[in-house]
C-alpha atoms as a PDB file:
ATOM      1  CA  MET A   1       0.000   0.000   0.000  1.00  0.00           C
ATOM      2  CA  GLU A   2       1.294   3.441  -0.942  1.00  0.00           C
ATOM      3  CA  LYS A   3       1.864   6.067   1.753  1.00  0.00           C
ATOM      4  CA  LEU A   4       1.392   9.799   1.347  1.00  0.00           C
ATOM      5  CA  VAL A   5       1.255  13.036   3.311  1.00  0.00           C
ATOM      6  CA  LEU A   6      -2.040  14.791   2.615  1.00  0.00           C
ATOM      7  CA  ALA A   7      -2.390  18.552   3.138  1.00  0.00           C
ATOM      8  CA  ILE A   8      -5.707  19.297   4.824  1.00  0.00           C
ATOM      9  CA  THR A   9      -7.370  22.083   6.812  1.00  0.00           C
ATOM     10  CA  ALA A  10      -7.776  21.707  10.570  1.00  0.00           C
ATOM     11  CA  GLU A  11     -11.593  21.590  10.271  1.00  0.00           C
ATOM     12  CA  HIS A  12     -11.561  18.826   7.661  1.00  0.00           C
ATOM     13  CA  ALA A  13      -8.931  16.832   9.566  1.00  0.00           C
ATOM     14  CA  ASP A  14     -11.039  17.003  12.744  1.00  0.00           C
ATOM     15  CA  ALA A  15     -14.159  15.924  10.855  1.00  0.00           C
ATOM     16  CA  LEU A  16     -12.384  12.936   9.259  1.00  0.00           C
ATOM     17  CA  LEU A  17     -10.773  11.853  12.535  1.00  0.00           C
ATOM     18  CA  ASP A  18     -13.998  12.280  14.546  1.00  0.00           C
ATOM     19  CA  GLY A  19     -15.976  10.269  12.000  1.00  0.00           C
ATOM     20  CA  THR A  20     -18.384  13.082  11.098  1.00  0.00           C
ATOM     21  CA  ARG A  21     -17.020  13.128   7.556  1.00  0.00           C
ATOM     22  CA  ALA A  22     -16.593   9.863   5.617  1.00  0.00           C
ATOM     23  CA  ALA A  23     -14.786  11.123   2.511  1.00  0.00           C
ATOM     24  CA  ASP A  24     -12.258  13.660   1.272  1.00  0.00           C
ATOM     25  CA  HIS A  25     -12.630  15.576  -1.998  1.00  0.00           C
ATOM     26  CA  ARG A  26      -9.672  16.355  -4.282  1.00  0.00           C
ATOM     27  CA  THR A  27      -9.566  18.043  -7.683  1.00  0.00           C
ATOM     28  CA  SER A  28      -6.436  16.018  -8.476  1.00  0.00           C
ATOM     29  CA  PRO A  29      -6.476  12.814  -6.444  1.00  0.00           C
ATOM     30  CA  PRO A  30      -3.477  10.526  -5.962  1.00  0.00           C
ATOM     31  CA  ALA A  31      -2.970   8.031  -8.787  1.00  0.00           C
ATOM     32  CA  HIS A  32      -2.034   5.111  -6.533  1.00  0.00           C
ATOM     33  CA  LEU A  33      -5.050   4.225  -4.409  1.00  0.00           C
ATOM     34  CA  PRO A  34      -5.819   2.799  -1.917  1.00  0.00           C
ATOM     35  CA  ALA A  35      -3.155   4.539   0.144  1.00  0.00           C
ATOM     36  CA  LYS A  36      -2.326   5.229   3.764  1.00  0.00           C
ATOM     37  CA  ALA A  37      -2.616   9.005   4.227  1.00  0.00           C
ATOM     38  CA  TYR A  38      -0.944  11.017   6.964  1.00  0.00           C
ATOM     39  CA  LEU A  39      -3.065  14.114   7.636  1.00  0.00           C
ATOM     40  CA  ALA A  40      -0.892  17.255   7.693  1.00  0.00           C
ATOM     41  CA  VAL A  41      -2.709  20.381   8.884  1.00  0.00           C
ATOM     42  CA  VAL A  42      -1.923  23.378   6.682  1.00  0.00           C
ATOM     43  CA  GLY A  43      -0.188  26.212   8.509  1.00  0.00           C
ATOM     44  CA  THR A  44       0.982  24.133  11.475  1.00  0.00           C
ATOM     45  CA  GLY A  45       3.773  21.974  10.055  1.00  0.00           C
ATOM     46  CA  THR A  46       2.387  18.953  11.920  1.00  0.00           C
ATOM     47  CA  VAL A  47       0.696  15.646  11.150  1.00  0.00           C
ATOM     48  CA  VAL A  48      -2.296  15.038  13.430  1.00  0.00           C
ATOM     49  CA  GLY A  49      -3.422  11.569  12.352  1.00  0.00           C
ATOM     50  CA  GLU A  50      -3.707   8.970   9.634  1.00  0.00           C
ATOM     51  CA  CYS A  51      -6.340   7.156   7.582  1.00  0.00           C
ATOM     52  CA  VAL A  52      -6.757   4.955   4.527  1.00  0.00           C
ATOM     53  CA  LEU A  53      -7.953   6.607   1.314  1.00  0.00           C
ATOM     54  CA  GLY A  54      -9.968   4.330  -0.942  1.00  0.00           C
ATOM     55  CA  GLU A  55     -10.417   4.336  -4.716  1.00  0.00           C
ATOM     56  CA  ARG A  56     -12.190   7.315  -6.290  1.00  0.00           C
ATOM     57  CA  SER A  57     -15.916   6.796  -6.085  1.00  0.00           C
ATOM     58  CA  GLY A  58     -17.259   9.653  -8.173  1.00  0.00           C
ATOM     59  CA  ARG A  59     -16.879  13.307  -9.051  1.00  0.00           C
ATOM     60  CA  THR A  60     -18.798  16.209  -7.484  1.00  0.00           C
ATOM     61  CA  LYS A  61     -18.479  20.003  -7.603  1.00  0.00           C
ATOM     62  CA  ALA A  62     -15.901  19.683  -4.796  1.00  0.00           C
ATOM     63  CA  GLY A  63     -13.775  17.225  -6.826  1.00  0.00           C
ATOM     64  CA  TRP A  64     -13.183  13.479  -6.786  1.00  0.00           C
ATOM     65  CA  THR A  65     -14.653  11.681  -3.781  1.00  0.00           C
ATOM     66  CA  LEU A  66     -12.131   9.555  -1.868  1.00  0.00           C
ATOM     67  CA  PRO A  67     -13.693   7.346   0.836  1.00  0.00           C
ATOM     68  CA  VAL A  68     -11.865   7.401   4.179  1.00  0.00           C
ATOM     69  CA  THR A  69     -11.531   4.405   6.511  1.00  0.00           C
ATOM     70  CA  LYS A  70      -9.491   3.513   9.594  1.00  0.00           C
ATOM     71  CA  ALA A  71      -9.062   7.124  10.698  1.00  0.00           C
ATOM     72  CA  ARG A  72      -6.863   7.476  13.783  1.00  0.00           C
ATOM     73  CA  ARG A  73      -5.813  10.621  15.664  1.00  0.00           C
ATOM     74  CA  TYR A  74      -2.327  10.778  17.175  1.00  0.00           C
ATOM     75  CA  LYS A  75      -2.021  11.562  20.903  1.00  0.00           C
ATOM     76  CA  ARG A  76       0.492  14.294  20.032  1.00  0.00           C
ATOM     77  CA  PRO A  77       0.940  15.912  16.602  1.00  0.00           C
ATOM     78  CA  ARG A  78       4.134  14.861  14.837  1.00  0.00           C
ATOM     79  CA  PRO A  79       6.343  17.269  12.878  1.00  0.00           C
ATOM     80  CA  VAL A  80       6.211  16.854   9.110  1.00  0.00           C
ATOM     81  CA  ALA A  81      10.020  16.348   9.197  1.00  0.00           C
ATOM     82  CA  ASP A  82       9.342  12.893  10.730  1.00  0.00           C
ATOM     83  CA  PHE A  83       7.972  11.924   7.316  1.00  0.00           C
ATOM     84  CA  GLY A  84      11.006  13.121   5.364  1.00  0.00           C
ATOM     85  CA  LEU A  85       9.522  16.460   4.263  1.00  0.00           C
ATOM     86  CA  GLN A  86      10.687  20.000   4.979  1.00  0.00           C
ATOM     87  CA  LYS A  87       7.211  21.507   4.657  1.00  0.00           C
ATOM     88  CA  ILE A  88       3.637  20.456   4.093  1.00  0.00           C
ATOM     89  CA  PRO A  89       2.990  19.738   0.398  1.00  0.00           C
ATOM     90  CA  ARG A  90       0.525  21.785  -1.625  1.00  0.00           C
ATOM     91  CA  SER A  91      -1.949  18.881  -1.959  1.00  0.00           C
ATOM     92  CA  PHE A  92      -0.182  15.573  -1.279  1.00  0.00           C
ATOM     93  CA  ARG A  93       3.205  13.930  -1.586  1.00  0.00           C
ATOM     94  CA  TYR A  94       4.153  10.242  -1.610  1.00  0.00           C
ATOM     95  CA  VAL A  95       6.566   9.208   1.146  1.00  0.00           C
END
């Protein structure tokens, strides 16, 4: 399974990790799915949790729908440098 760091807003990360949101929407989704995604909150330089992104399931006005499963919040946010990156990517980056 591929692994990637996914740039996401704090509100969307919280919704995915709390289970109130079951999918993420991307205008340009990753090509290699399913993939383990590390959720990097934009503007903080930290990764707050992880999940599994499934295959694209359709396109909406918000972009391609990527189902999310196995969402897990970390006890403490981890710096993005732990994943081999200097900064949070614009959308996503394979690691």
